[in-house]
Protein backbone atom coordinates (compact mmCIF):
# COMPACT_ATOMS: atom_id res chain seq x y z
CA MET A 1 25.94 -25.43 -50.07
CA SER A 2 23.00 -27.07 -51.77
CA SER A 3 19.37 -26.29 -51.00
CA ARG A 4 19.05 -29.78 -49.48
CA ASP A 5 21.93 -29.04 -47.08
CA LEU A 6 20.33 -25.75 -46.12
CA VAL A 7 17.05 -27.50 -45.32
CA ARG A 8 18.88 -30.16 -43.30
CA GLN A 9 20.80 -27.47 -41.41
CA GLY A 10 17.55 -25.60 -40.69
CA ARG A 11 16.01 -28.75 -39.26
CA TRP A 12 18.97 -29.30 -36.94
CA TRP A 13 18.72 -25.68 -35.80
CA ARG A 14 15.03 -26.07 -34.98
CA ILE A 15 15.71 -29.33 -33.11
CA TRP A 16 18.52 -27.70 -31.10
CA LEU A 17 16.30 -24.74 -30.25
CA ALA A 18 13.46 -27.00 -29.13
CA VAL A 19 15.82 -29.02 -26.91
CA TRP A 20 17.19 -25.82 -25.38
CA VAL A 21 13.70 -24.45 -24.64
CA VAL A 22 12.61 -27.74 -23.03
CA GLY A 23 15.79 -27.88 -20.97
CA PHE A 24 15.44 -24.28 -19.79
CA THR A 25 11.79 -24.83 -18.87
CA LEU A 26 12.64 -27.94 -16.86
CA LEU A 27 15.44 -26.08 -15.09
CA ALA A 28 13.17 -23.12 -14.26
CA ASN A 29 10.42 -25.43 -13.01
CA SER A 30 12.96 -27.31 -10.92
CA PHE A 31 14.12 -24.05 -9.35
CA VAL A 32 10.55 -23.01 -8.55
CA ASP A 33 9.81 -26.48 -7.15
CA SER A 34 12.92 -26.35 -4.97
CA LEU A 35 11.83 -22.97 -3.57
CA ALA A 36 8.35 -24.34 -2.87
CA HIS A 37 9.78 -27.45 -1.24
CA ALA A 38 12.09 -25.35 0.93
CA ALA A 39 9.21 -23.06 1.88
CA ASN A 40 7.02 -26.04 2.83
CA GLY A 41 9.83 -27.41 4.96
CA GLU A 42 10.18 -24.05 6.70
CA VAL A 43 6.44 -23.88 7.37
CA GLY A 44 6.48 -27.30 8.97
CA ALA A 45 9.40 -26.35 11.20
CA VAL A 46 7.71 -23.11 12.27
CA ASN A 47 4.44 -24.88 13.10
CA LEU A 48 6.38 -27.37 15.26
CA ALA A 49 7.99 -24.44 17.08
CA ILE A 50 4.55 -22.85 17.53
CA GLN A 51 3.23 -26.05 19.12
CA ALA A 52 6.31 -26.44 21.33
CA ARG A 53 5.97 -22.90 22.68
CA GLY A 54 2.20 -22.92 22.95
CA ALA A 55 1.91 -19.88 20.67
CA ARG A 56 -1.47 -18.73 19.34
CA TRP A 57 -0.84 -18.37 15.62
CA GLN A 58 -0.60 -20.42 12.45
CA ALA A 59 2.18 -20.59 9.87
CA GLY A 60 1.53 -21.38 6.23
CA THR A 61 2.52 -20.62 2.69
CA THR A 62 2.29 -16.90 1.95
CA SER A 63 3.27 -14.64 -0.92
CA VAL A 64 6.40 -13.81 1.09
CA SER A 65 7.35 -17.35 2.10
CA ARG A 66 7.44 -18.28 -1.59
CA MET A 67 10.28 -15.79 -2.13
CA SER A 68 13.96 -16.59 -1.90
CA PRO A 69 15.65 -15.72 1.42
CA ALA A 70 17.44 -12.79 -0.24
CA ALA A 71 14.15 -11.39 -1.62
CA ARG A 72 12.46 -11.70 1.77
CA GLN A 73 15.21 -9.77 3.49
CA ARG A 74 14.71 -6.89 1.08
CA LEU A 75 11.22 -6.42 2.54
CA VAL A 76 12.61 -5.00 5.78
CA GLY A 77 14.56 -1.80 6.10
CA THR A 78 13.61 0.44 8.99
CA ILE A 79 16.65 1.97 10.71
CA LYS A 80 16.17 2.71 14.39
CA PRO A 81 16.76 6.36 15.28
CA GLN A 82 19.38 7.36 17.83
CA ILE A 83 17.44 9.02 20.64
CA THR A 84 18.58 9.71 24.20
CA ARG A 85 16.20 9.25 27.10
CA GLY A 86 16.31 12.98 27.84
CA GLU A 87 15.29 13.87 24.29
CA ALA A 88 12.43 11.40 24.38
CA LEU A 89 11.06 12.85 27.61
CA THR A 90 11.54 16.59 27.10
CA GLY A 91 12.25 17.13 23.42
CA PRO A 92 9.97 19.20 21.16
CA LYS A 93 8.64 16.08 19.48
CA SER A 94 7.48 14.43 22.71
CA LEU A 95 3.73 14.01 23.08
CA GLN A 96 2.43 15.91 26.09
CA ALA A 97 -1.23 16.30 25.05
CA ALA A 98 -3.83 14.99 27.48
CA PRO A 99 -5.78 11.94 26.24
CA VAL A 100 -9.35 12.47 25.06
CA GLY A 101 -10.57 9.98 27.65
CA GLU A 102 -9.91 6.52 29.00
CA ALA A 103 -9.09 4.10 26.21
CA PRO A 104 -11.79 1.46 25.66
CA PRO A 105 -11.02 -2.26 26.12
CA SER A 106 -10.79 -2.72 22.33
CA LEU A 107 -10.38 -0.48 19.32
CA ASP A 108 -9.97 -1.02 15.58
CA TRP A 109 -9.69 1.94 13.23
CA ARG A 110 -10.84 -0.36 10.40
CA ASN A 111 -14.23 -0.42 12.12
CA TYR A 112 -14.47 2.64 14.32
CA GLY A 113 -18.10 3.27 15.10
CA GLY A 114 -18.96 1.19 12.05
CA GLU A 115 -16.73 3.26 9.76
CA LYS A 116 -13.34 2.56 8.21
CA PHE A 117 -10.48 5.02 8.68
CA VAL A 118 -7.71 2.85 7.23
CA THR A 119 -6.85 2.75 3.52
CA PRO A 120 -6.32 -0.53 1.60
CA VAL A 121 -3.22 -2.66 2.13
CA ARG A 122 -0.36 -1.70 -0.19
CA ASN A 123 2.63 -3.71 -1.45
CA GLN A 124 6.15 -2.30 -1.17
CA GLY A 125 7.52 -4.93 -3.56
CA ASN A 126 11.23 -5.63 -3.93
CA CYS A 127 12.35 -2.56 -1.97
CA GLY A 128 13.14 -1.94 1.70
CA SER A 129 10.71 0.99 1.85
CA CYS A 130 8.51 -0.17 4.74
CA TRP A 131 9.49 3.05 6.58
CA ALA A 132 7.86 5.10 3.80
CA PHE A 133 4.75 2.92 3.53
CA ALA A 134 4.10 2.95 7.28
CA THR A 135 4.31 6.75 7.53
CA VAL A 136 2.25 7.39 4.39
CA ALA A 137 -0.41 4.94 5.64
CA ALA A 138 -0.64 6.98 8.86
CA LEU A 139 -1.05 10.19 6.83
CA GLU A 140 -3.82 8.61 4.75
CA SER A 141 -5.67 7.66 7.94
CA GLN A 142 -5.25 11.19 9.29
CA ALA A 143 -6.84 12.55 6.10
CA LEU A 144 -9.82 10.21 6.47
CA ILE A 145 -10.32 11.08 10.13
CA ALA A 146 -9.84 14.84 9.83
CA ASN A 147 -12.17 15.16 6.84
CA HIS A 148 -14.57 12.43 8.06
CA ILE A 149 -14.55 10.53 4.79
CA PRO A 150 -14.46 6.91 6.04
CA GLY A 151 -13.87 4.27 3.41
CA ALA A 152 -12.34 6.65 0.87
CA ASN A 153 -9.27 5.23 -0.87
CA ILE A 154 -6.93 8.18 -0.58
CA ASP A 155 -3.85 6.74 -2.30
CA LEU A 156 -0.79 8.90 -1.62
CA SER A 157 2.63 8.59 -3.20
CA GLU A 158 5.10 6.50 -1.20
CA GLN A 159 7.53 7.03 -4.06
CA ALA A 160 7.64 10.74 -3.23
CA VAL A 161 8.90 9.87 0.26
CA VAL A 162 11.47 7.40 -1.10
CA SER A 163 12.70 9.70 -3.89
CA CYS A 164 12.34 13.16 -2.40
CA SER A 165 12.59 13.06 1.41
CA GLY A 166 16.23 12.13 1.94
CA ALA A 167 15.06 9.95 4.84
CA GLY A 168 16.08 6.69 3.18
CA ASP A 169 15.94 4.51 0.09
CA CYS A 170 15.32 0.88 -0.89
CA SER A 171 18.06 -0.19 1.52
CA GLY A 172 16.18 1.27 4.50
CA GLY A 173 15.15 4.54 6.08
CA PHE A 174 14.02 6.46 9.16
CA ILE A 175 10.39 6.88 10.23
CA ASP A 176 11.25 10.13 12.04
CA GLY A 177 12.90 11.60 8.93
CA ALA A 178 9.92 10.55 6.82
CA SER A 179 7.57 12.16 9.37
CA ASP A 180 9.54 15.42 9.17
CA PHE A 181 9.07 15.33 5.40
CA LEU A 182 5.32 14.72 5.70
CA ARG A 183 5.05 17.74 8.00
CA GLU A 184 7.32 20.17 6.13
CA VAL A 185 6.67 19.19 2.50
CA GLY A 186 4.00 16.50 2.26
CA VAL A 187 3.19 14.07 -0.53
CA PRO A 188 0.93 14.19 -3.60
CA LEU A 189 -1.51 11.57 -4.85
CA GLU A 190 -0.12 8.30 -6.18
CA GLY A 191 -0.77 9.30 -9.79
CA CYS A 192 1.66 12.20 -9.48
CA LEU A 193 4.65 9.94 -8.81
CA ARG A 194 3.78 6.26 -9.08
CA TYR A 195 5.56 3.64 -7.01
CA THR A 196 8.33 1.75 -8.81
CA ALA A 197 10.00 -0.18 -5.92
CA THR A 198 13.23 1.64 -6.75
CA GLU A 199 14.97 4.77 -5.47
CA GLY A 200 13.47 6.55 -8.49
CA SER A 201 13.81 10.24 -9.28
CA CYS A 202 12.03 13.11 -7.55
CA GLY A 203 12.28 15.04 -10.82
CA LYS A 204 9.71 12.71 -12.38
CA ALA A 205 6.92 13.97 -10.11
CA CYS A 206 4.18 16.06 -11.72
CA ALA A 207 4.79 19.79 -11.97
CA GLY A 208 3.98 21.88 -8.91
CA TRP A 209 3.25 18.87 -6.70
CA ARG A 210 4.45 20.61 -3.54
CA ASN A 211 1.63 23.15 -3.90
CA TYR A 212 -1.10 20.54 -3.40
CA SER A 213 0.56 17.92 -1.21
CA TYR A 214 -1.07 16.27 1.79
CA ARG A 215 0.69 17.17 5.05
CA ILE A 216 0.44 16.50 8.76
CA SER A 217 0.29 19.33 11.28
CA ASP A 218 2.98 17.78 13.46
CA TRP A 219 4.16 14.52 14.95
CA GLY A 220 5.52 13.19 18.23
CA TRP A 221 7.10 10.15 19.82
CA VAL A 222 4.74 7.86 21.68
CA THR A 223 7.55 5.50 22.68
CA THR A 224 11.33 5.52 22.19
CA GLY A 225 12.17 2.24 23.91
CA SER A 226 10.40 0.37 26.74
CA PRO A 227 6.86 0.79 25.35
CA THR A 228 3.84 -0.05 27.50
CA VAL A 229 0.44 -1.39 26.52
CA ASP A 230 -1.33 1.54 28.16
CA ALA A 231 0.81 4.16 26.35
CA LEU A 232 0.08 2.61 22.96
CA LYS A 233 -3.64 2.17 23.69
CA THR A 234 -3.97 5.79 24.82
CA ALA A 235 -2.13 7.09 21.75
CA LEU A 236 -4.23 4.97 19.39
CA TYR A 237 -7.43 6.26 20.99
CA THR A 238 -6.22 9.87 21.08
CA TYR A 239 -4.43 10.33 17.76
CA GLY A 240 -5.51 7.50 15.44
CA PRO A 241 -3.33 4.87 13.70
CA LEU A 242 0.36 4.97 14.63
CA THR A 243 3.62 4.25 12.82
CA ALA A 244 5.53 1.61 14.80
CA SER A 245 8.82 -0.25 14.48
CA MET A 246 9.58 -3.92 15.15
CA ASP A 247 12.36 -6.45 14.61
CA THR A 248 11.45 -9.06 12.01
CA TYR A 249 12.46 -12.72 12.30
CA GLU A 250 12.20 -15.55 9.79
CA ASP A 251 9.03 -17.02 11.29
CA PHE A 252 7.11 -13.79 10.64
CA PHE A 253 7.35 -14.36 6.86
CA HIS A 254 5.12 -17.46 7.27
CA TYR A 255 2.38 -15.84 9.39
CA ILE A 256 -1.14 -16.47 8.06
CA SER A 257 -3.43 -15.94 11.08
CA GLY A 258 -3.74 -15.78 14.85
CA VAL A 259 -1.86 -13.79 17.48
CA TYR A 260 1.81 -13.65 16.50
CA SER A 261 4.66 -14.14 18.95
CA TYR A 262 8.22 -15.04 18.10
CA VAL A 263 8.97 -18.78 18.03
CA SER A 264 11.94 -19.42 15.72
CA GLY A 265 14.43 -18.09 13.19
CA SER A 266 17.12 -15.48 12.98
CA LEU A 267 16.77 -11.70 12.89
CA GLN A 268 16.13 -10.37 9.38
CA GLY A 269 16.10 -6.64 10.07
CA GLY A 270 14.08 -3.68 11.30
CA HIS A 271 10.58 -3.16 9.98
CA ALA A 272 7.85 -0.51 10.17
CA ILE A 273 4.09 -1.06 10.17
CA LEU A 274 0.88 0.85 10.85
CA LEU A 275 -0.65 0.12 14.25
CA VAL A 276 -4.44 0.28 13.84
CA GLY A 277 -5.96 -1.26 16.95
CA TYR A 278 -5.86 -3.54 19.98
CA ASP A 279 -7.96 -5.98 21.99
CA ASP A 280 -7.57 -6.44 25.76
CA GLU A 281 -9.53 -9.70 25.90
CA GLY A 282 -7.32 -11.29 23.26
CA GLY A 283 -4.21 -9.55 24.55
CA TYR A 284 -3.02 -8.29 21.17
CA PHE A 285 -2.40 -5.28 18.94
CA ILE A 286 -3.51 -5.11 15.28
CA GLY A 287 -1.03 -4.10 12.59
CA LYS A 288 -1.30 -3.23 8.90
CA ASN A 289 1.67 -4.47 6.90
CA SER A 290 2.89 -3.40 3.44
CA TRP A 291 3.54 -6.84 1.92
CA GLY A 292 0.29 -7.08 -0.04
CA THR A 293 -2.84 -9.08 0.77
CA GLY A 294 -1.21 -12.47 0.05
CA TRP A 295 0.52 -12.37 3.43
CA GLY A 296 -1.11 -12.63 6.85
CA GLU A 297 -4.78 -11.92 7.40
CA ALA A 298 -5.28 -10.18 4.03
CA GLY A 299 -2.25 -8.01 4.79
CA TYR A 300 -2.97 -7.46 8.52
CA PHE A 301 -1.68 -9.26 11.60
CA LYS A 302 -2.30 -9.55 15.32
CA ILE A 303 0.64 -9.46 17.71
CA ALA A 304 0.63 -10.38 21.40
CA TYR A 305 1.02 -7.67 24.05
CA ASP A 306 4.02 -9.53 25.50
CA GLN A 307 5.99 -8.94 22.30
CA LEU A 308 6.71 -5.45 23.61
CA ASP A 309 9.23 -7.14 25.91
CA SER A 310 10.50 -9.86 23.57
CA VAL A 311 13.24 -10.04 20.95
CA VAL A 312 10.69 -8.59 18.51
CA ASN A 313 10.96 -5.25 20.34
CA PHE A 314 7.52 -4.39 19.04
CA ALA A 315 6.68 -0.65 19.04
CA ASP A 316 10.01 0.36 20.59
CA PHE A 317 9.82 3.41 18.35
CA THR A 318 6.27 4.61 17.76
CA ILE A 319 5.12 7.88 16.19
CA ALA A 320 1.74 9.59 16.32
CA PHE A 321 0.66 12.27 13.85
CA THR A 322 -1.02 15.07 15.74
CA GLY A 323 -3.31 16.42 13.07
CA PHE A 324 -3.91 16.82 9.36
CA GLU A 325 -2.96 20.10 7.70
CA PRO A 326 -5.93 21.45 5.71
CA ILE A 327 -4.98 22.39 2.18
CA THR A 328 -6.54 24.53 -0.48
CA PRO A 329 -5.24 22.52 -3.38
CA ALA A 330 -4.37 23.79 -6.80
CA CYS A 331 -6.77 21.24 -8.23
CA SER A 332 -5.61 19.07 -11.09
CA TYR A 333 -7.70 16.38 -12.74
CA THR A 334 -6.50 13.20 -14.43
CA LEU A 335 -8.66 10.75 -16.40
CA VAL A 336 -7.76 7.09 -16.83
CA PRO A 337 -8.27 6.22 -19.62
CA THR A 338 -8.77 9.35 -21.70
CA ARG A 339 -10.65 7.61 -24.53
CA ARG A 340 -12.44 4.37 -25.24
CA ASN A 341 -13.59 2.55 -28.37
CA VAL A 342 -17.09 1.07 -28.21
CA ASN A 343 -18.84 -1.28 -30.64
CA ALA A 344 -22.14 -0.45 -32.31
CA VAL A 345 -24.13 -2.34 -29.65
CA GLY A 346 -23.07 0.18 -26.98
CA GLY A 347 -23.17 -0.65 -23.30
CA THR A 348 -21.90 0.58 -19.94
CA SER A 349 -18.31 1.42 -19.02
CA TYR A 350 -16.42 3.72 -16.66
CA VAL A 351 -13.66 6.28 -16.35
CA SER A 352 -11.50 6.89 -13.26
CA LEU A 353 -11.08 10.50 -12.20
CA ALA A 354 -8.13 11.36 -9.93
CA THR A 355 -7.88 14.68 -8.13
CA GLN A 356 -6.91 16.13 -4.76
CA LEU A 357 -8.96 15.90 -1.60
CA GLY A 358 -11.34 18.87 -1.48
CA CYS A 359 -11.42 19.37 -5.25
CA THR A 360 -14.93 19.27 -6.71
CA TRP A 361 -15.97 18.49 -10.26
CA THR A 362 -18.97 18.10 -12.56
CA ALA A 363 -19.42 15.38 -15.18
CA THR A 364 -21.29 16.33 -18.34
CA SER A 365 -22.11 14.57 -21.60
CA ASN A 366 -21.68 16.61 -24.76
CA VAL A 367 -23.81 14.33 -26.99
CA PRO A 368 -27.30 12.85 -26.41
CA TRP A 369 -26.24 9.21 -27.00
CA ILE A 370 -23.85 9.07 -23.99
CA PHE A 371 -25.43 9.15 -20.53
CA ILE A 372 -23.78 9.61 -17.14
CA ALA A 373 -24.93 6.46 -15.33
CA SER A 374 -23.68 7.31 -11.84
CA MET A 375 -22.89 10.62 -10.15
CA THR A 376 -22.77 13.81 -12.22
CA SER A 377 -20.84 15.79 -9.60
CA GLY A 378 -18.68 15.09 -6.61
CA GLY A 379 -15.42 15.71 -4.82
CA GLY A 380 -12.08 13.93 -4.72
CA SER A 381 -11.13 10.88 -6.76
CA ARG A 382 -13.99 8.77 -8.06
CA THR A 383 -14.96 6.16 -10.64
CA VAL A 384 -17.79 7.44 -12.87
CA PHE A 385 -19.94 5.08 -14.94
CA TYR A 386 -21.52 6.02 -18.26
CA ALA A 387 -23.76 4.31 -20.82
CA VAL A 388 -23.54 4.40 -24.63
CA SER A 389 -26.69 3.91 -26.72
CA PRO A 390 -26.76 1.44 -29.65
CA ASN A 391 -25.65 2.92 -32.95
CA THR A 392 -27.72 2.11 -36.04
CA GLY A 393 -25.83 4.46 -38.34
CA ALA A 394 -22.31 5.46 -39.26
CA ALA A 395 -19.40 5.54 -36.82
CA ARG A 396 -19.54 8.50 -34.45
CA THR A 397 -17.50 10.30 -31.81
CA GLY A 398 -18.71 11.94 -28.62
CA THR A 399 -17.12 13.38 -25.50
CA LEU A 400 -17.66 13.65 -21.75
CA THR A 401 -16.16 16.41 -19.63
CA PHE A 402 -14.85 15.83 -16.09
CA GLY A 403 -13.28 18.71 -14.18
CA GLY A 404 -12.42 20.42 -17.44
CA GLN A 405 -10.80 17.27 -18.88
CA THR A 406 -12.21 15.65 -22.02
CA PHE A 407 -12.97 11.95 -22.32
CA THR A 408 -13.56 10.71 -25.89
CA VAL A 409 -15.85 7.86 -26.93
CA ASN A 410 -15.46 6.44 -30.44
CA GLN A 411 -18.40 4.21 -31.39
CA ALA A 412 -18.36 1.94 -34.40
CA GLY A 413 -21.18 2.08 -36.92
CA THR A 414 -23.29 -0.74 -38.27
CA ARG A 415 -22.24 -2.40 -41.52
CA PHE A 416 -25.79 -2.22 -42.91
CA ARG A 417 -27.71 0.84 -41.88
CA ILE A 418 -31.30 0.27 -40.77
CA PRO A 419 -33.70 2.47 -42.81
């Protein structure tokens, strides 16, 4: 084959490749457009049903409604426990404690006396692990309340519950089994076993994690069928945020604001959420979901009191954690990142320090040209800012020390040294 033929063949290959890429892109865009069109059609139908039923909420395009129907269904996965009426009334896990007082007409643990005892909204991703997220969210709130550290982002490992508890997997799980695990074993910080939206492997958790896990003292059933508004209000006021079950229907995927009540669509499966508050005047409860902040009211939703007696079966199975188990952790410290390269001009940057609740640390600079710009000591996980002075000489290396861990700063030198 001549060189001219080779060139001609190469041109045809490039043309074919370009046509294939364009065709694939058009096909992918068409698929995305079809999903968007279908989602918009669904939103319109749900809003018509809302108007017809006189419901008090709005449907719209959410991060969930953009998904395919199969992907949406993977977001649910709570399996209802089998409990007899006798067990619910007299069993060892029934709540018999007297309330701390009459529940107020409204309560929101996101703003309880001006302080926040609910951690940020998480995202369970493509895994039916809502049962793990709802129970871990309740444990995080218990840690904030018991230690009175409102606003702290205690981020615990949902993956440890999915991979280690035996209470379920990405196809669904049990909130009571997860609660047993949080009482008997507990979970470490997120950095010890990061969430992967898969069943994962418990063996990948950091060494010795059971020795410094966060645990609850105990738990009990608030409701096991036929819930009442008063029972849920009293439990919220007495024990803090609650783990609650519900049945999820297609319309719920499109919720963007307002007071949700079922209006249309088929049952998609059982779901678990964190119940964080209520409002008598508005006649609704407040829930924290685990579908990220692109759904609902930045990840939260309101649901009407009358949904306790609807097909939604809201809060049929509700669990309260009855205390946080104090721990004396075997403190470990992790820096992210562990080093940073800085140009000769210098400037301000930061390092994230992760450790267990109750673990204290001191930040020190080992060279005079790096300054700690924020706190030099503290407790728990924090972000620490530091400043690097301009460098008028050769490249240099300095270190900071946090909780015995070394953070390295490599600063470039100037090309022409100033005399």
